Protein backbone atom coordinates (compact mmCIF):
# COMPACT_ATOMS: atom_id res chain seq x y z
CA MET A 1 55.49 55.53 122.58
CA LYS A 2 52.92 58.02 121.31
CA THR A 3 54.43 60.70 123.51
CA PHE A 4 57.88 59.93 122.12
CA VAL A 5 56.70 60.11 118.51
CA LYS A 6 54.96 63.39 119.10
CA THR A 7 58.01 64.87 120.82
CA ALA A 8 60.31 63.62 118.06
CA ALA A 9 58.05 65.12 115.41
CA VAL A 10 58.02 68.46 117.16
CA ALA A 11 61.78 68.34 117.50
CA ALA A 12 62.17 67.48 113.83
CA GLY A 13 59.89 70.36 112.94
CA LEU A 14 61.96 72.77 115.03
CA VAL A 15 65.16 71.56 113.40
CA ALA A 16 63.64 72.02 109.94
CA ALA A 17 62.37 75.48 110.84
CA ALA A 18 65.80 76.41 112.20
CA GLY A 19 67.37 75.18 108.99
CA LEU A 20 65.02 77.26 106.89
CA PHE A 21 65.71 80.33 109.04
CA ALA A 22 69.46 79.82 108.71
CA ALA A 23 69.13 79.41 104.95
CA ASP A 24 67.04 82.58 104.74
CA ALA A 25 69.57 84.52 106.84
CA SER A 26 72.37 83.20 104.66
CA ALA A 27 70.52 84.28 101.52
CA GLN A 28 70.17 87.75 102.99
CA GLN A 29 73.87 87.87 103.82
CA ASN A 30 75.08 86.60 100.43
CA ARG A 31 74.89 89.59 98.13
CA ASN A 32 76.57 90.42 94.84
CA LEU A 33 77.01 94.13 94.23
CA SER A 34 77.96 95.83 90.97
CA ILE A 35 79.61 99.23 91.39
CA VAL A 36 79.51 101.29 88.19
CA THR A 37 82.35 103.79 87.86
CA GLY A 38 83.94 105.31 84.73
CA GLY A 39 86.88 104.87 82.37
CA THR A 40 90.18 103.37 83.44
CA GLY A 41 92.01 106.68 83.02
CA GLY A 42 89.84 108.56 85.51
CA VAL A 43 89.30 108.56 89.29
CA TYR A 44 85.94 106.79 89.61
CA TYR A 45 87.37 103.46 88.48
CA PRO A 46 90.20 103.10 91.04
CA LEU A 47 87.93 104.39 93.81
CA GLY A 48 85.23 101.94 92.73
CA GLY A 49 87.73 99.11 92.80
CA GLY A 50 88.86 100.14 96.27
CA LEU A 51 85.28 100.32 97.50
CA ALA A 52 84.51 96.89 96.03
CA ASN A 53 87.49 95.41 97.86
CA MET A 54 86.44 96.99 101.16
CA LEU A 55 82.82 95.86 100.93
CA THR A 56 83.93 92.30 100.10
CA LYS A 57 86.45 92.36 102.94
CA TYR A 58 84.40 93.93 105.72
CA VAL A 59 80.77 92.92 105.12
CA PRO A 60 80.28 89.15 105.63
CA GLY A 61 78.68 87.42 102.67
CA TRP A 62 79.12 90.30 100.24
CA GLN A 63 80.94 90.12 96.93
CA ALA A 64 81.37 93.47 95.18
CA THR A 65 82.92 94.25 91.80
CA ALA A 66 83.76 97.53 90.04
CA GLU A 67 82.64 97.91 86.44
CA VAL A 68 84.21 100.10 83.72
CA THR A 69 81.60 102.40 82.15
CA ALA A 70 81.33 105.59 80.10
CA GLY A 71 80.60 107.53 83.31
CA SER A 72 77.79 109.25 85.18
CA VAL A 73 74.99 109.15 82.59
CA ALA A 74 75.55 105.47 81.80
CA ASN A 75 75.85 104.70 85.52
CA LEU A 76 72.52 106.31 86.33
CA GLN A 77 70.84 104.48 83.47
CA LEU A 78 72.16 101.21 84.92
CA ILE A 79 70.82 102.15 88.37
CA GLY A 80 67.45 103.00 86.86
CA SER A 81 67.23 99.61 85.12
CA LYS A 82 68.52 97.85 88.27
CA LYS A 83 71.47 96.39 86.37
CA ALA A 84 73.85 97.88 88.95
CA GLU A 85 73.57 98.48 92.68
CA ILE A 86 75.95 101.40 93.41
CA ALA A 87 76.85 104.32 91.13
CA PHE A 88 79.41 107.09 91.08
CA THR A 89 77.93 110.21 89.50
CA MET A 90 78.23 113.96 89.27
CA ALA A 91 75.48 116.03 90.88
CA ASP A 92 74.35 117.65 87.62
CA ALA A 93 73.84 114.29 85.88
CA ALA A 94 72.04 112.96 88.96
CA LEU A 95 69.63 115.90 88.92
CA ASP A 96 68.86 115.39 85.22
CA ALA A 97 68.20 111.71 85.93
CA GLN A 98 65.96 112.49 88.88
CA ASP A 99 63.92 114.99 86.85
CA GLY A 100 63.88 112.99 83.60
CA LYS A 101 65.61 115.71 81.59
CA ASP A 102 68.06 115.81 78.68
CA LYS A 103 69.55 112.32 78.21
CA PHE A 104 66.99 110.95 80.70
CA ALA A 105 63.93 112.39 78.95
CA GLY A 106 60.98 110.12 79.62
CA SER A 107 62.90 107.86 81.99
CA LYS A 108 63.35 109.30 85.47
CA VAL A 109 65.77 107.46 87.74
CA PRO A 110 64.49 106.94 91.31
CA GLN A 111 67.70 107.24 93.31
CA ARG A 112 68.88 108.00 96.82
CA LEU A 113 72.13 109.45 98.14
CA LEU A 114 74.66 107.45 100.15
CA ALA A 115 77.53 109.95 100.34
CA VAL A 116 78.82 113.26 99.04
CA LEU A 117 82.26 112.36 97.72
CA TYR A 118 84.72 115.01 96.47
CA PRO A 119 84.52 117.96 94.06
CA ASN A 120 84.92 117.09 90.39
CA LEU A 121 87.05 119.66 88.61
CA MET A 122 86.60 120.48 84.95
CA HIS A 123 89.85 120.31 83.00
CA VAL A 124 90.18 121.98 79.60
CA VAL A 125 93.42 120.37 78.50
CA THR A 126 95.76 121.32 75.69
CA ILE A 127 99.49 121.65 75.10
CA GLU A 128 101.73 124.51 74.13
CA GLY A 129 101.91 125.05 70.39
CA THR A 130 98.19 124.67 69.66
CA GLY A 131 97.50 128.39 69.98
CA ILE A 132 94.89 127.77 72.69
CA THR A 133 95.27 129.95 75.78
CA LYS A 134 91.64 130.92 76.47
CA MET A 135 88.19 129.48 75.83
CA SER A 136 87.53 131.56 72.71
CA ASP A 137 90.66 130.01 71.13
CA LEU A 138 88.79 126.69 70.89
CA LYS A 139 86.92 128.09 67.92
CA GLY A 140 87.98 126.26 64.78
CA LYS A 141 89.96 123.63 66.73
CA ARG A 142 89.63 119.84 67.02
CA VAL A 143 88.22 119.21 70.49
CA SER A 144 87.07 116.14 72.41
CA THR A 145 84.13 116.82 74.70
CA GLY A 146 84.18 113.46 76.47
CA ALA A 147 82.82 109.97 75.92
CA PRO A 148 79.16 109.48 75.01
CA LEU A 149 76.95 109.08 78.11
CA SER A 150 79.62 110.63 80.34
CA ALA A 151 79.21 113.49 82.80
CA THR A 152 82.22 115.08 81.11
CA GLU A 153 80.19 115.45 77.93
CA LEU A 154 77.19 116.81 79.82
CA MET A 155 79.21 119.45 81.67
CA ALA A 156 81.48 120.24 78.70
CA PHE A 157 78.45 121.23 76.63
CA ARG A 158 77.36 123.57 79.42
CA VAL A 159 80.81 125.14 79.81
CA ILE A 160 81.09 125.66 76.04
CA GLU A 161 77.69 127.31 75.87
CA ALA A 162 78.40 129.56 78.87
CA ALA A 163 81.67 130.59 77.19
CA GLY A 164 79.66 131.87 74.22
CA LEU A 165 80.62 129.06 71.84
CA ASP A 166 78.54 126.61 69.81
CA LYS A 167 79.63 123.00 70.35
CA ASP A 168 78.52 121.96 66.87
CA LYS A 169 79.44 124.98 64.76
CA ASP A 170 82.55 126.43 66.41
CA MET A 171 84.74 123.35 66.66
CA LYS A 172 85.37 119.95 65.13
CA ARG A 173 84.12 117.79 67.96
CA GLU A 174 85.24 114.29 68.95
CA ARG A 175 83.69 112.11 71.67
CA LEU A 176 86.58 110.39 73.44
CA GLY A 177 87.24 109.22 76.97
CA VAL A 178 90.09 110.80 78.90
CA ALA A 179 92.69 108.13 78.07
CA GLU A 180 91.76 108.19 74.39
CA SER A 181 91.80 111.99 74.42
CA THR A 182 95.30 112.04 75.85
CA ASN A 183 96.52 109.68 73.15
CA ALA A 184 94.81 111.76 70.46
CA VAL A 185 96.61 114.91 71.65
CA LYS A 186 99.91 113.04 71.65
CA ASP A 187 99.23 111.88 68.08
CA LYS A 188 98.16 115.42 67.07
CA LYS A 189 94.71 114.19 66.07
CA ILE A 190 93.00 116.71 68.35
CA ASP A 191 94.08 120.05 69.82
CA ALA A 192 92.32 119.99 73.20
CA TYR A 193 89.94 118.01 75.35
CA PHE A 194 87.50 118.35 78.21
CA TRP A 195 87.69 116.12 81.24
CA VAL A 196 85.94 116.46 84.59
CA GLY A 197 87.47 114.47 87.41
CA GLY A 198 89.46 114.38 90.62
CA LEU A 199 93.07 115.32 91.23
CA PRO A 200 95.31 114.10 89.90
CA THR A 201 93.76 112.25 86.96
CA SER A 202 96.24 109.64 85.72
CA ALA A 203 95.58 110.22 82.00
CA VAL A 204 96.23 113.96 82.34
CA THR A 205 99.39 113.20 84.31
CA ASP A 206 100.44 110.91 81.47
CA LEU A 207 100.06 113.71 78.93
CA ALA A 208 101.89 116.23 81.12
CA ALA A 209 104.78 113.81 81.67
CA THR A 210 105.26 113.08 77.95
CA PRO A 211 108.78 114.11 76.87
CA GLY A 212 108.83 117.18 74.63
CA THR A 213 105.30 118.20 75.71
CA LYS A 214 104.25 121.05 77.98
CA ILE A 215 100.69 120.87 79.25
CA ALA A 216 98.40 123.90 79.24
CA LEU A 217 95.13 124.09 81.21
CA VAL A 218 92.59 126.70 80.10
CA ASP A 219 90.88 128.96 82.67
CA HIS A 220 87.07 128.99 82.52
CA GLU A 221 85.74 129.98 85.95
CA GLN A 222 83.81 132.79 84.22
CA THR A 223 81.35 130.17 82.96
CA VAL A 224 80.07 129.28 86.45
CA ALA A 225 77.56 132.12 86.79
CA GLY A 226 75.94 131.40 83.43
CA MET A 227 75.67 127.67 84.11
CA ASN A 228 74.09 128.21 87.52
CA GLN A 229 71.64 130.72 86.10
CA LYS A 230 70.42 128.17 83.57
CA PHE A 231 70.74 124.87 85.43
CA GLY A 232 70.52 125.79 89.12
CA PRO A 233 73.16 126.17 91.86
CA LEU A 234 75.18 123.08 90.95
CA TYR A 235 78.55 124.59 90.06
CA ALA A 236 81.23 126.52 91.92
CA PRO A 237 84.47 128.27 90.99
CA SER A 238 87.54 126.33 92.03
CA VAL A 239 91.21 125.87 91.14
CA ILE A 240 93.55 123.13 90.05
CA PRO A 241 96.64 124.07 92.08
CA ALA A 242 99.94 124.70 90.36
CA GLY A 243 102.08 121.57 90.34
CA THR A 244 99.13 119.16 90.27
CA TYR A 245 100.49 117.93 86.94
CA PRO A 246 104.10 117.80 85.70
CA GLY A 247 105.08 121.11 84.13
CA GLN A 248 101.94 122.94 85.38
CA THR A 249 103.46 126.18 86.66
CA LYS A 250 100.35 128.19 87.55
CA GLU A 251 96.96 127.51 89.09
CA ASN A 252 94.08 126.83 86.74
CA LYS A 253 90.80 128.67 87.52
CA ILE A 254 87.94 126.34 86.70
CA ALA A 255 84.34 125.18 87.34
CA SER A 256 83.64 122.34 89.75
CA VAL A 257 80.69 120.14 90.78
CA TRP A 258 80.26 117.59 93.59
CA ASN A 259 80.56 113.85 93.03
CA LEU A 260 77.99 111.61 94.66
CA LEU A 261 77.53 107.94 95.47
CA VAL A 262 73.94 106.85 94.83
CA VAL A 263 71.74 103.75 94.79
CA HIS A 264 68.25 102.91 93.58
CA GLU A 265 65.58 104.10 96.01
CA SER A 266 64.46 100.47 96.53
CA THR A 267 67.83 99.50 98.05
CA PRO A 268 67.23 97.90 101.48
CA ASP A 269 68.09 100.11 104.45
CA ASP A 270 70.60 97.63 105.89
CA VAL A 271 72.48 97.45 102.59
CA ALA A 272 72.74 101.24 102.32
CA TYR A 273 73.78 101.44 105.99
CA ASN A 274 76.59 98.91 105.56
CA ILE A 275 77.96 100.65 102.47
CA VAL A 276 78.12 104.02 104.24
CA LYS A 277 79.56 102.46 107.40
CA THR A 278 82.31 100.76 105.40
CA ILE A 279 83.23 103.98 103.61
CA PHE A 280 83.59 106.12 106.71
CA GLU A 281 85.13 103.51 109.00
CA HIS A 282 87.78 102.51 106.44
CA ARG A 283 88.34 105.80 104.62
CA ASP A 284 92.11 105.80 105.27
CA GLU A 285 92.37 102.40 103.62
CA TRP A 286 90.33 103.71 100.68
CA ALA A 287 92.69 106.66 100.34
CA GLN A 288 95.58 104.27 99.76
CA VAL A 289 93.93 103.50 96.39
CA HIS A 290 93.45 107.17 95.43
CA ALA A 291 94.07 110.35 97.43
CA GLU A 292 90.63 111.80 96.58
CA ALA A 293 89.09 109.41 99.11
CA ARG A 294 90.52 111.69 101.82
CA ASN A 295 88.11 114.38 100.62
CA VAL A 296 85.09 112.21 101.41
CA LYS A 297 84.69 114.08 104.70
CA PRO A 298 81.93 113.96 107.32
CA GLU A 299 81.60 117.75 107.18
CA ASN A 300 80.76 117.58 103.44
CA GLN A 301 77.75 115.34 104.05
CA LYS A 302 75.23 118.14 103.61
CA GLN A 303 71.98 118.11 101.67
CA ALA A 304 73.05 121.48 100.25
CA ASN A 305 75.81 119.66 98.34
CA SER A 306 73.42 117.27 96.60
CA PRO A 307 70.13 117.58 94.69
CA ILE A 308 69.40 113.94 95.61
CA LYS A 309 67.73 113.06 98.92
CA TRP A 310 69.43 110.84 101.47
CA HIS A 311 68.75 107.12 101.67
CA PRO A 312 67.26 106.18 105.08
CA GLY A 313 70.09 103.71 105.65
CA ALA A 314 72.64 106.49 105.20
CA GLU A 315 70.64 108.76 107.51
CA LYS A 316 70.70 106.05 110.18
CA TYR A 317 74.51 105.80 110.09
CA PHE A 318 75.07 109.57 110.22
CA LYS A 319 72.58 109.90 113.09
CA GLU A 320 74.45 107.23 115.07
CA LYS A 321 77.70 109.13 114.55
CA ASN A 322 76.15 112.54 115.31
CA ILE A 323 77.05 113.84 111.84
CA PRO A 324 74.60 116.60 110.83
CA ILE A 325 73.50 116.12 107.23
CA MET A 326 70.67 118.59 106.71
């Protein structure tokens, strides 16, 4: 009898231990992830929604959601405060956050890179009839420089300065998101707006497709050298090809900057690994949400394209796939 009791007790203990282990494993698997993106009229939001769907679909126990935000600066602040797990951001905003500069003064954001996404292209948008054909024509005009806490605002200020203009003295400045900016141009409340995003951006397409309106995009590639001299080698000359937007008959010569996907540096390695794995193994599915996902290419995963260091979980995935990232 004593032997039986002892054996039963041991068995009960093993069952209990197994139950605790299973519960612990389940707790590790069950994970809610907030993906912070941008406004509904841009590219970050649909891509964030697509990524959320893929993570929920392909990683057992995960539930991911995409959140509407003002954009890169707000996203990085949310990562820094651990109120979000995954952030879309532009490289210039990420560098400011890492170094604790400008809008991040006194509050550095400890972040790590998951993926180099696609180039973000600065749009300086107006319509025919405003008298704006070059950057200097913005002087004296009503101009939106992007939503507060957005990367559009951050980069717009730099483009304006490099063009030899004063953002506060040379124009009547509004702070609107891309969808609100488009509506303000339609209503003749502003003359032009800045927007940095992927191609095509739905709100810009909306403006270009408005009956009786002909879109005009202002060249500004000449600002790249000045921005890089002051802020480091973050920017590159690029083009928005003719025909990207309805009625756009010539290419637009502009400044561009890489988009990144980042997480807090404390993110567990397995979580970072699974996010990166999902992105690259289901990229074609992601591209069905927005075409820019096709530009999230293995060959662009280079440290030279990002001021933020790789997360070890991302490094593990790229090493397994023999993708050189340094």
